[in-house]
Amino acid sequence: LKQSIMEAIQEITSDLEDLHKTINEQATNHIHSGEVILTYGKSDTVIEFLKTAADKKLRFTVIVCEGAPHYEGHDMARTLAQPTEAGNSIDVCVIPDAAIVAMMARVNKVLLPAHAVLANGGLVAPSGCNLVALAAAENAVPVVCLTGMFKLTPLFPHEGQDTLNDLLSPGSVIDYASQQDQQVDFVNPLHDYIRPENINLFVTNVGSFQPSYIYRLLSEYYHQDD
């Protein structure tokens, strides 16, 4: 039993070490020269994916949503604007979240990170990503999620109202001192749930899959009794 457990742990460790490499190998299949790509939130997986495409001599523009109120998009844009190891650069534009719907008509593709991939093919992503996905669906812009398969979970979105979600302090959204006398409840969720019909493709370390294929992957990664 000990030997089997050690082999399973070693296999998982190996997959995690090669995670970004295997995802980045698919960059040229999904990014093309002249494209305008929109992304939301800060993700090392998305950053390395885009930088790998830039190293392949592809010229494209990345629109980064600033991601208020935490403004992780500023850090994301700053990292993307730095030259890659090969000396290539990426054209980066930062927009306020209020401009997402207006800019979507000019976008060719949306890249989103993942916090978790649910059993029905839905996506748990940073708060604000659902707005991006809905705007993309309205403009028929494909939404691609970059994720490792270790984020696949057998949970469904209806299993608890806050599946894989956390509530943050509302202090980052509104000043507590100025609202003490008002009977108002403020909710500041950390993640959004995106329905599977608003996602076109999952690019993972074991290949690219549509949301409808996630159920098949569950049978490979989770035992029926679990």
C-alpha atoms as a PDB file:
ATOM      1  CA  LEU A   1       0.000   0.000   0.000  1.00  0.00           C
ATOM      2  CA  LYS A   2       2.804   2.396   0.896  1.00  0.00           C
ATOM      3  CA  GLN A   3       4.480   1.841  -2.467  1.00  0.00           C
ATOM      4  CA  SER A   4       1.225   2.496  -4.357  1.00  0.00           C
ATOM      5  CA  ILE A   5       0.644   5.724  -2.442  1.00  0.00           C
ATOM      6  CA  MET A   6       4.206   6.890  -3.094  1.00  0.00           C
ATOM      7  CA  GLU A   7       3.823   6.197  -6.821  1.00  0.00           C
ATOM      8  CA  ALA A   8       0.542   8.135  -6.929  1.00  0.00           C
ATOM      9  CA  ILE A   9       2.117  11.098  -5.116  1.00  0.00           C
ATOM     10  CA  GLN A  10       5.106  11.042  -7.471  1.00  0.00           C
ATOM     11  CA  GLU A  11       2.789  11.047 -10.492  1.00  0.00           C
ATOM     12  CA  ILE A  12       0.847  14.044  -9.166  1.00  0.00           C
ATOM     13  CA  THR A  13       4.077  15.894  -8.347  1.00  0.00           C
ATOM     14  CA  SER A  14       5.396  15.268 -11.859  1.00  0.00           C
ATOM     15  CA  ASP A  15       2.168  16.571 -13.418  1.00  0.00           C
ATOM     16  CA  LEU A  16       2.334  19.755 -11.331  1.00  0.00           C
ATOM     17  CA  GLU A  17       5.966  20.383 -12.240  1.00  0.00           C
ATOM     18  CA  ASP A  18       5.216  20.104 -15.979  1.00  0.00           C
ATOM     19  CA  LEU A  19       1.863  21.892 -15.729  1.00  0.00           C
ATOM     20  CA  HIS A  20       2.773  25.222 -17.364  1.00  0.00           C
ATOM     21  CA  LYS A  21       5.049  23.612 -19.937  1.00  0.00           C
ATOM     22  CA  THR A  22       2.350  21.309 -21.298  1.00  0.00           C
ATOM     23  CA  ILE A  23      -0.258  24.098 -21.351  1.00  0.00           C
ATOM     24  CA  ASN A  24       2.149  26.531 -23.033  1.00  0.00           C
ATOM     25  CA  GLU A  25       2.890  24.038 -25.802  1.00  0.00           C
ATOM     26  CA  GLN A  26      -0.668  24.662 -27.033  1.00  0.00           C
ATOM     27  CA  ALA A  27      -0.251  28.452 -27.210  1.00  0.00           C
ATOM     28  CA  THR A  28       0.214  28.622 -30.974  1.00  0.00           C
ATOM     29  CA  ASN A  29      -2.965  26.575 -31.472  1.00  0.00           C
ATOM     30  CA  HIS A  30      -5.115  29.194 -29.779  1.00  0.00           C
ATOM     31  CA  ILE A  31      -3.344  32.544 -30.301  1.00  0.00           C
ATOM     32  CA  HIS A  32      -2.684  34.045 -33.728  1.00  0.00           C
ATOM     33  CA  SER A  33      -0.971  37.182 -34.993  1.00  0.00           C
ATOM     34  CA  GLY A  34      -3.095  40.314 -35.076  1.00  0.00           C
ATOM     35  CA  GLU A  35      -5.568  39.113 -32.461  1.00  0.00           C
ATOM     36  CA  VAL A  36      -6.948  41.216 -29.618  1.00  0.00           C
ATOM     37  CA  ILE A  37      -7.178  39.154 -26.442  1.00  0.00           C
ATOM     38  CA  LEU A  38      -8.995  40.185 -23.271  1.00  0.00           C
ATOM     39  CA  THR A  39      -8.185  38.768 -19.842  1.00  0.00           C
ATOM     40  CA  TYR A  40      -9.343  39.364 -16.281  1.00  0.00           C
ATOM     41  CA  GLY A  41      -7.575  38.932 -12.950  1.00  0.00           C
ATOM     42  CA  LYS A  42      -3.964  37.976 -12.324  1.00  0.00           C
ATOM     43  CA  SER A  43      -2.898  34.454 -13.209  1.00  0.00           C
ATOM     44  CA  ASP A  44       0.599  33.009 -13.634  1.00  0.00           C
ATOM     45  CA  THR A  45      -0.839  30.409 -16.008  1.00  0.00           C
ATOM     46  CA  VAL A  46      -2.281  33.087 -18.315  1.00  0.00           C
ATOM     47  CA  ILE A  47       0.896  35.187 -18.106  1.00  0.00           C
ATOM     48  CA  GLU A  48       3.172  32.315 -19.129  1.00  0.00           C
ATOM     49  CA  PHE A  49       0.740  31.241 -21.869  1.00  0.00           C
ATOM     50  CA  LEU A  50       0.768  34.722 -23.427  1.00  0.00           C
ATOM     51  CA  LYS A  51       4.536  35.153 -23.062  1.00  0.00           C
ATOM     52  CA  THR A  52       5.108  31.791 -24.747  1.00  0.00           C
ATOM     53  CA  ALA A  53       2.977  32.936 -27.681  1.00  0.00           C
ATOM     54  CA  ALA A  54       5.000  36.164 -27.871  1.00  0.00           C
ATOM     55  CA  ASP A  55       8.230  34.142 -27.970  1.00  0.00           C
ATOM     56  CA  LYS A  56       6.856  32.363 -31.046  1.00  0.00           C
ATOM     57  CA  LYS A  57       7.083  35.703 -32.927  1.00  0.00           C
ATOM     58  CA  LEU A  58       3.328  36.255 -32.693  1.00  0.00           C
ATOM     59  CA  ARG A  59       2.243  39.903 -32.501  1.00  0.00           C
ATOM     60  CA  PHE A  60      -1.016  40.466 -30.629  1.00  0.00           C
ATOM     61  CA  THR A  61      -2.636  42.901 -28.211  1.00  0.00           C
ATOM     62  CA  VAL A  62      -3.797  42.034 -24.700  1.00  0.00           C
ATOM     63  CA  ILE A  63      -6.559  44.045 -23.010  1.00  0.00           C
ATOM     64  CA  VAL A  64      -6.385  43.665 -19.237  1.00  0.00           C
ATOM     65  CA  CYS A  65      -9.356  44.585 -17.031  1.00  0.00           C
ATOM     66  CA  GLU A  66      -8.164  46.401 -13.923  1.00  0.00           C
ATOM     67  CA  GLY A  67     -10.237  44.208 -11.581  1.00  0.00           C
ATOM     68  CA  ALA A  68     -11.504  46.717  -9.026  1.00  0.00           C
ATOM     69  CA  PRO A  69     -11.457  47.006  -6.061  1.00  0.00           C
ATOM     70  CA  HIS A  70      -8.253  44.973  -5.648  1.00  0.00           C
ATOM     71  CA  TYR A  71      -6.800  46.092  -9.018  1.00  0.00           C
ATOM     72  CA  GLU A  72      -4.928  42.868  -9.711  1.00  0.00           C
ATOM     73  CA  GLY A  73      -5.163  43.788 -13.388  1.00  0.00           C
ATOM     74  CA  HIS A  74      -2.563  46.511 -12.838  1.00  0.00           C
ATOM     75  CA  ASP A  75      -0.017  43.932 -11.669  1.00  0.00           C
ATOM     76  CA  MET A  76      -1.037  41.631 -14.514  1.00  0.00           C
ATOM     77  CA  ALA A  77      -0.513  44.354 -17.127  1.00  0.00           C
ATOM     78  CA  ARG A  78       2.827  45.390 -15.609  1.00  0.00           C
ATOM     79  CA  THR A  79       4.096  41.803 -15.795  1.00  0.00           C
ATOM     80  CA  LEU A  80       2.882  41.276 -19.369  1.00  0.00           C
ATOM     81  CA  ALA A  81       4.471  44.545 -20.537  1.00  0.00           C
ATOM     82  CA  GLN A  82       7.930  43.386 -19.474  1.00  0.00           C
ATOM     83  CA  PRO A  83      10.029  41.834 -22.295  1.00  0.00           C
ATOM     84  CA  THR A  84      10.055  38.043 -22.446  1.00  0.00           C
ATOM     85  CA  GLU A  85      13.206  35.926 -22.082  1.00  0.00           C
ATOM     86  CA  ALA A  86      13.625  36.080 -25.860  1.00  0.00           C
ATOM     87  CA  GLY A  87      13.343  39.876 -25.787  1.00  0.00           C
ATOM     88  CA  ASN A  88       9.880  40.016 -27.358  1.00  0.00           C
ATOM     89  CA  SER A  89       7.212  42.381 -26.060  1.00  0.00           C
ATOM     90  CA  ILE A  90       3.414  42.287 -25.793  1.00  0.00           C
ATOM     91  CA  ASP A  91       1.176  45.274 -26.511  1.00  0.00           C
ATOM     92  CA  VAL A  92      -0.894  45.755 -23.336  1.00  0.00           C
ATOM     93  CA  CYS A  93      -3.899  48.001 -22.682  1.00  0.00           C
ATOM     94  CA  VAL A  94      -5.569  48.400 -19.272  1.00  0.00           C
ATOM     95  CA  ILE A  95      -9.277  49.243 -19.153  1.00  0.00           C
ATOM     96  CA  PRO A  96     -11.694  49.912 -16.283  1.00  0.00           C
ATOM     97  CA  ASP A  97     -14.230  47.194 -15.554  1.00  0.00           C
ATOM     98  CA  ALA A  98     -17.038  49.512 -16.680  1.00  0.00           C
ATOM     99  CA  ALA A  99     -15.628  49.415 -20.240  1.00  0.00           C
ATOM    100  CA  ILE A 100     -15.714  45.617 -20.612  1.00  0.00           C
ATOM    101  CA  VAL A 101     -19.010  45.516 -22.533  1.00  0.00           C
ATOM    102  CA  ALA A 102     -18.009  48.434 -24.774  1.00  0.00           C
ATOM    103  CA  MET A 103     -14.618  46.901 -25.649  1.00  0.00           C
ATOM    104  CA  MET A 104     -15.850  43.352 -26.192  1.00  0.00           C
ATOM    105  CA  ALA A 105     -16.896  44.032 -29.790  1.00  0.00           C
ATOM    106  CA  ARG A 106     -13.230  44.596 -30.674  1.00  0.00           C
ATOM    107  CA  VAL A 107     -11.987  41.431 -28.958  1.00  0.00           C
ATOM    108  CA  ASN A 108     -11.169  38.174 -30.769  1.00  0.00           C
ATOM    109  CA  LYS A 109     -10.795  35.924 -27.738  1.00  0.00           C
ATOM    110  CA  VAL A 110     -11.147  35.935 -23.944  1.00  0.00           C
ATOM    111  CA  LEU A 111      -8.671  34.116 -21.697  1.00  0.00           C
ATOM    112  CA  LEU A 112      -9.749  33.385 -18.131  1.00  0.00           C
ATOM    113  CA  PRO A 113      -7.982  31.729 -15.194  1.00  0.00           C
ATOM    114  CA  ALA A 114      -9.643  29.115 -12.993  1.00  0.00           C
ATOM    115  CA  HIS A 115     -10.069  28.608  -9.293  1.00  0.00           C
ATOM    116  CA  ALA A 116     -11.925  25.326  -9.863  1.00  0.00           C
ATOM    117  CA  VAL A 117     -13.656  23.402 -12.653  1.00  0.00           C
ATOM    118  CA  LEU A 118     -16.968  21.922 -11.500  1.00  0.00           C
ATOM    119  CA  ALA A 119     -18.466  18.567 -12.448  1.00  0.00           C
ATOM    120  CA  ASN A 120     -21.015  20.076 -14.851  1.00  0.00           C
ATOM    121  CA  GLY A 121     -18.339  21.940 -16.832  1.00  0.00           C
ATOM    122  CA  GLY A 122     -18.956  25.205 -15.005  1.00  0.00           C
ATOM    123  CA  LEU A 123     -16.100  27.414 -13.872  1.00  0.00           C
ATOM    124  CA  VAL A 124     -15.290  29.055 -10.550  1.00  0.00           C
ATOM    125  CA  ALA A 125     -13.121  32.075 -11.378  1.00  0.00           C
ATOM    126  CA  PRO A 126     -12.127  35.400  -9.773  1.00  0.00           C
ATOM    127  CA  SER A 127     -15.044  37.688  -8.980  1.00  0.00           C
ATOM    128  CA  GLY A 128     -15.902  39.748 -12.052  1.00  0.00           C
ATOM    129  CA  CYS A 129     -15.178  37.018 -14.602  1.00  0.00           C
ATOM    130  CA  ASN A 130     -18.878  36.247 -15.029  1.00  0.00           C
ATOM    131  CA  LEU A 131     -19.421  39.783 -16.337  1.00  0.00           C
ATOM    132  CA  VAL A 132     -16.680  39.171 -18.891  1.00  0.00           C
ATOM    133  CA  ALA A 133     -18.176  35.810 -19.923  1.00  0.00           C
ATOM    134  CA  LEU A 134     -21.684  37.279 -20.336  1.00  0.00           C
ATOM    135  CA  ALA A 135     -20.347  40.170 -22.420  1.00  0.00           C
ATOM    136  CA  ALA A 136     -18.390  37.711 -24.571  1.00  0.00           C
ATOM    137  CA  ALA A 137     -21.478  35.533 -25.104  1.00  0.00           C
ATOM    138  CA  GLU A 138     -23.493  38.580 -26.161  1.00  0.00           C
ATOM    139  CA  ASN A 139     -20.842  39.429 -28.786  1.00  0.00           C
ATOM    140  CA  ALA A 140     -20.138  35.814 -29.839  1.00  0.00           C
ATOM    141  CA  VAL A 141     -16.536  36.033 -28.610  1.00  0.00           C
ATOM    142  CA  PRO A 142     -15.016  32.651 -27.652  1.00  0.00           C
ATOM    143  CA  VAL A 143     -14.085  32.206 -23.979  1.00  0.00           C
ATOM    144  CA  VAL A 144     -11.073  29.993 -23.261  1.00  0.00           C
ATOM    145  CA  CYS A 145     -10.122  28.898 -19.745  1.00  0.00           C
ATOM    146  CA  LEU A 146      -6.530  27.942 -18.916  1.00  0.00           C
ATOM    147  CA  THR A 147      -6.286  25.477 -16.058  1.00  0.00           C
ATOM    148  CA  GLY A 148      -4.489  22.420 -14.766  1.00  0.00           C
ATOM    149  CA  MET A 149      -6.497  19.258 -14.254  1.00  0.00           C
ATOM    150  CA  PHE A 150      -5.717  19.310 -10.533  1.00  0.00           C
ATOM    151  CA  LYS A 151      -8.421  22.004 -10.296  1.00  0.00           C
ATOM    152  CA  LEU A 152     -11.113  19.585 -11.501  1.00  0.00           C
ATOM    153  CA  THR A 153     -13.593  18.850  -8.710  1.00  0.00           C
ATOM    154  CA  PRO A 154     -16.552  16.415  -8.534  1.00  0.00           C
ATOM    155  CA  LEU A 155     -18.736  19.092  -6.909  1.00  0.00           C
ATOM    156  CA  PHE A 156     -21.766  20.582  -8.664  1.00  0.00           C
ATOM    157  CA  PRO A 157     -22.785  24.251  -8.336  1.00  0.00           C
ATOM    158  CA  HIS A 158     -26.054  23.342  -6.609  1.00  0.00           C
ATOM    159  CA  GLU A 159     -24.226  21.547  -3.801  1.00  0.00           C
ATOM    160  CA  GLY A 160     -24.345  24.509  -1.446  1.00  0.00           C
ATOM    161  CA  GLN A 161     -25.087  28.074  -2.497  1.00  0.00           C
ATOM    162  CA  ASP A 162     -21.466  29.131  -2.006  1.00  0.00           C
ATOM    163  CA  THR A 163     -19.675  26.217  -3.672  1.00  0.00           C
ATOM    164  CA  LEU A 164     -15.926  26.806  -3.437  1.00  0.00           C
ATOM    165  CA  ASN A 165     -16.516  30.472  -2.650  1.00  0.00           C
ATOM    166  CA  ASP A 166     -15.348  32.785   0.117  1.00  0.00           C
ATOM    167  CA  LEU A 167     -16.737  36.089   1.330  1.00  0.00           C
ATOM    168  CA  LEU A 168     -14.213  38.863   1.871  1.00  0.00           C
ATOM    169  CA  SER A 169     -14.477  41.883   4.116  1.00  0.00           C
ATOM    170  CA  PRO A 170     -16.580  44.640   2.502  1.00  0.00           C
ATOM    171  CA  GLY A 171     -14.008  47.154   3.758  1.00  0.00           C
ATOM    172  CA  SER A 172     -12.246  47.076   0.375  1.00  0.00           C
ATOM    173  CA  VAL A 173     -15.476  48.094  -1.361  1.00  0.00           C
ATOM    174  CA  ILE A 174     -16.973  50.651   0.996  1.00  0.00           C
ATOM    175  CA  ASP A 175     -15.804  52.680   3.976  1.00  0.00           C
ATOM    176  CA  TYR A 176     -17.173  51.070   7.125  1.00  0.00           C
ATOM    177  CA  ALA A 177     -17.006  54.232   9.251  1.00  0.00           C
ATOM    178  CA  SER A 178     -19.314  56.169   6.926  1.00  0.00           C
ATOM    179  CA  GLN A 179     -21.938  53.391   6.847  1.00  0.00           C
ATOM    180  CA  GLN A 180     -22.326  52.571  10.546  1.00  0.00           C
ATOM    181  CA  ASP A 181     -25.762  54.172  10.839  1.00  0.00           C
ATOM    182  CA  GLN A 182     -27.224  52.445   7.747  1.00  0.00           C
ATOM    183  CA  GLN A 183     -28.867  49.022   7.915  1.00  0.00           C
ATOM    184  CA  VAL A 184     -27.314  47.618   4.758  1.00  0.00           C
ATOM    185  CA  ASP A 185     -25.735  44.212   4.114  1.00  0.00           C
ATOM    186  CA  PHE A 186     -22.656  44.234   1.870  1.00  0.00           C
ATOM    187  CA  VAL A 187     -21.519  41.028   0.191  1.00  0.00           C
ATOM    188  CA  ASN A 188     -18.018  40.837  -1.288  1.00  0.00           C
ATOM    189  CA  PRO A 189     -17.523  37.358  -2.860  1.00  0.00           C
ATOM    190  CA  LEU A 190     -14.054  36.234  -3.826  1.00  0.00           C
ATOM    191  CA  HIS A 191     -15.165  34.146  -6.824  1.00  0.00           C
ATOM    192  CA  ASP A 192     -17.766  34.032  -9.580  1.00  0.00           C
ATOM    193  CA  TYR A 193     -19.562  31.014 -11.004  1.00  0.00           C
ATOM    194  CA  ILE A 194     -19.642  30.887 -14.817  1.00  0.00           C
ATOM    195  CA  ARG A 195     -22.164  28.586 -16.468  1.00  0.00           C
ATOM    196  CA  PRO A 196     -20.753  25.946 -18.871  1.00  0.00           C
ATOM    197  CA  GLU A 197     -22.696  27.334 -21.837  1.00  0.00           C
ATOM    198  CA  ASN A 198     -20.697  30.569 -21.530  1.00  0.00           C
ATOM    199  CA  ILE A 199     -17.357  28.759 -21.871  1.00  0.00           C
ATOM    200  CA  ASN A 200     -16.119  27.471 -25.206  1.00  0.00           C
ATOM    201  CA  LEU A 201     -12.956  25.597 -24.301  1.00  0.00           C
ATOM    202  CA  PHE A 202     -10.798  24.407 -21.405  1.00  0.00           C
ATOM    203  CA  VAL A 203      -7.089  24.314 -22.249  1.00  0.00           C
ATOM    204  CA  THR A 204      -5.437  21.955 -19.759  1.00  0.00           C
ATOM    205  CA  ASN A 205      -2.171  20.115 -19.249  1.00  0.00           C
ATOM    206  CA  VAL A 206      -3.725  16.984 -20.779  1.00  0.00           C
ATOM    207  CA  GLY A 207      -5.312  18.628 -23.823  1.00  0.00           C
ATOM    208  CA  SER A 208      -8.177  20.908 -24.808  1.00  0.00           C
ATOM    209  CA  PHE A 209     -11.769  19.995 -23.963  1.00  0.00           C
ATOM    210  CA  GLN A 210     -15.245  21.447 -24.281  1.00  0.00           C
ATOM    211  CA  PRO A 211     -17.298  21.816 -21.061  1.00  0.00           C
ATOM    212  CA  SER A 212     -19.559  18.954 -22.155  1.00  0.00           C
ATOM    213  CA  TYR A 213     -16.574  16.557 -21.956  1.00  0.00           C
ATOM    214  CA  ILE A 214     -15.784  17.309 -18.297  1.00  0.00           C
ATOM    215  CA  TYR A 215     -18.038  14.456 -17.100  1.00  0.00           C
ATOM    216  CA  ARG A 216     -15.781  12.005 -18.971  1.00  0.00           C
ATOM    217  CA  LEU A 217     -12.667  13.409 -17.312  1.00  0.00           C
ATOM    218  CA  LEU A 218     -14.300  12.979 -13.899  1.00  0.00           C
ATOM    219  CA  SER A 219     -14.480   9.227 -14.410  1.00  0.00           C
ATOM    220  CA  GLU A 220     -10.723   9.202 -15.095  1.00  0.00           C
ATOM    221  CA  TYR A 221      -9.694  11.371 -12.160  1.00  0.00           C
ATOM    222  CA  TYR A 222     -12.230  10.302  -9.517  1.00  0.00           C
ATOM    223  CA  HIS A 223     -13.368   6.823  -8.529  1.00  0.00           C
ATOM    224  CA  GLN A 224     -17.093   6.128  -8.740  1.00  0.00           C
ATOM    225  CA  ASP A 225     -17.291   5.396  -4.986  1.00  0.00           C
ATOM    226  CA  ASP A 226     -15.673   8.725  -4.102  1.00  0.00           C
END
